[in-house]
Amino acid sequence: MNPDYSIRWWIQHNSTPPDIDPGAFLEKKILWRYAKGTPTITESDILLSDSQLLLDHISGRSKVQKPFTLLFTSPPYMGISDYHRDQWLRLWMLGGPPLAGRNPDKRRRNFASAADYTVLLQTVFQQTAEVMSTRKAVVYVRTDARESTFDITRDALKLAFPRFQERIIEQPYPKQTQTALYGDKSLKVGEKDIILTLRRG
């Protein structure tokens, strides 16, 4: 998490940070992540980029082919997380700066503006629809159950995939959340899954 959050927590709870060896800590996390091995993949491509820039590039090459059959994603939740600042440690390990600063790019902040958030989701989902198969596509989106995020996400999906039928899964994750495991027992709205499949007939 953002170091500022941790420091505030320690102060509020009259506590101090644990004395941790960073190398040993990260090694333990890496070993846990790969404890069951790695996926067996015969052939694949991984493309790393800003989704809007990448999808626009793919769309220009795939107008006729429409090669993709699955959209599986969980977009940022509006007004909740600053993904760039909160993921500073991972970004640092990948070559980023060693500080948890706010990114100047508005698409890498906490999406506090409903108007900007709406444009982001509508743009990305529309670009995705342009490269999805017209015969066997499936869309699976996990989103925030708060009306502010859920309604914008659902409307953007309907706009991008008008021929699809919708199924909603309420509270898809019934177990304790990470915040609950660390002492936050307050009730939260939770998440919802939106699944879209092509209408038959």
Foldseek 3Di string as FASTA:
>chain_A
DQVVVVVVVCVVVVHDDDDDDVVVVVVVVVCVVQVVHDDDDDDDDDDDDDLLVVLVVVLVVQQPPLPAAEAAEEDQAAQDFQQQLVCVVVVVVVPDDNHRDRDPPPSRGRNPDLVVVLVVLLSNLLSNLSSHDPPHHKYKYKYFQPCSRVVSNVVSNCVNCVQWDKDKDQQPDPDDDPVVVVPPPDDGRHMMMIMITGDDD
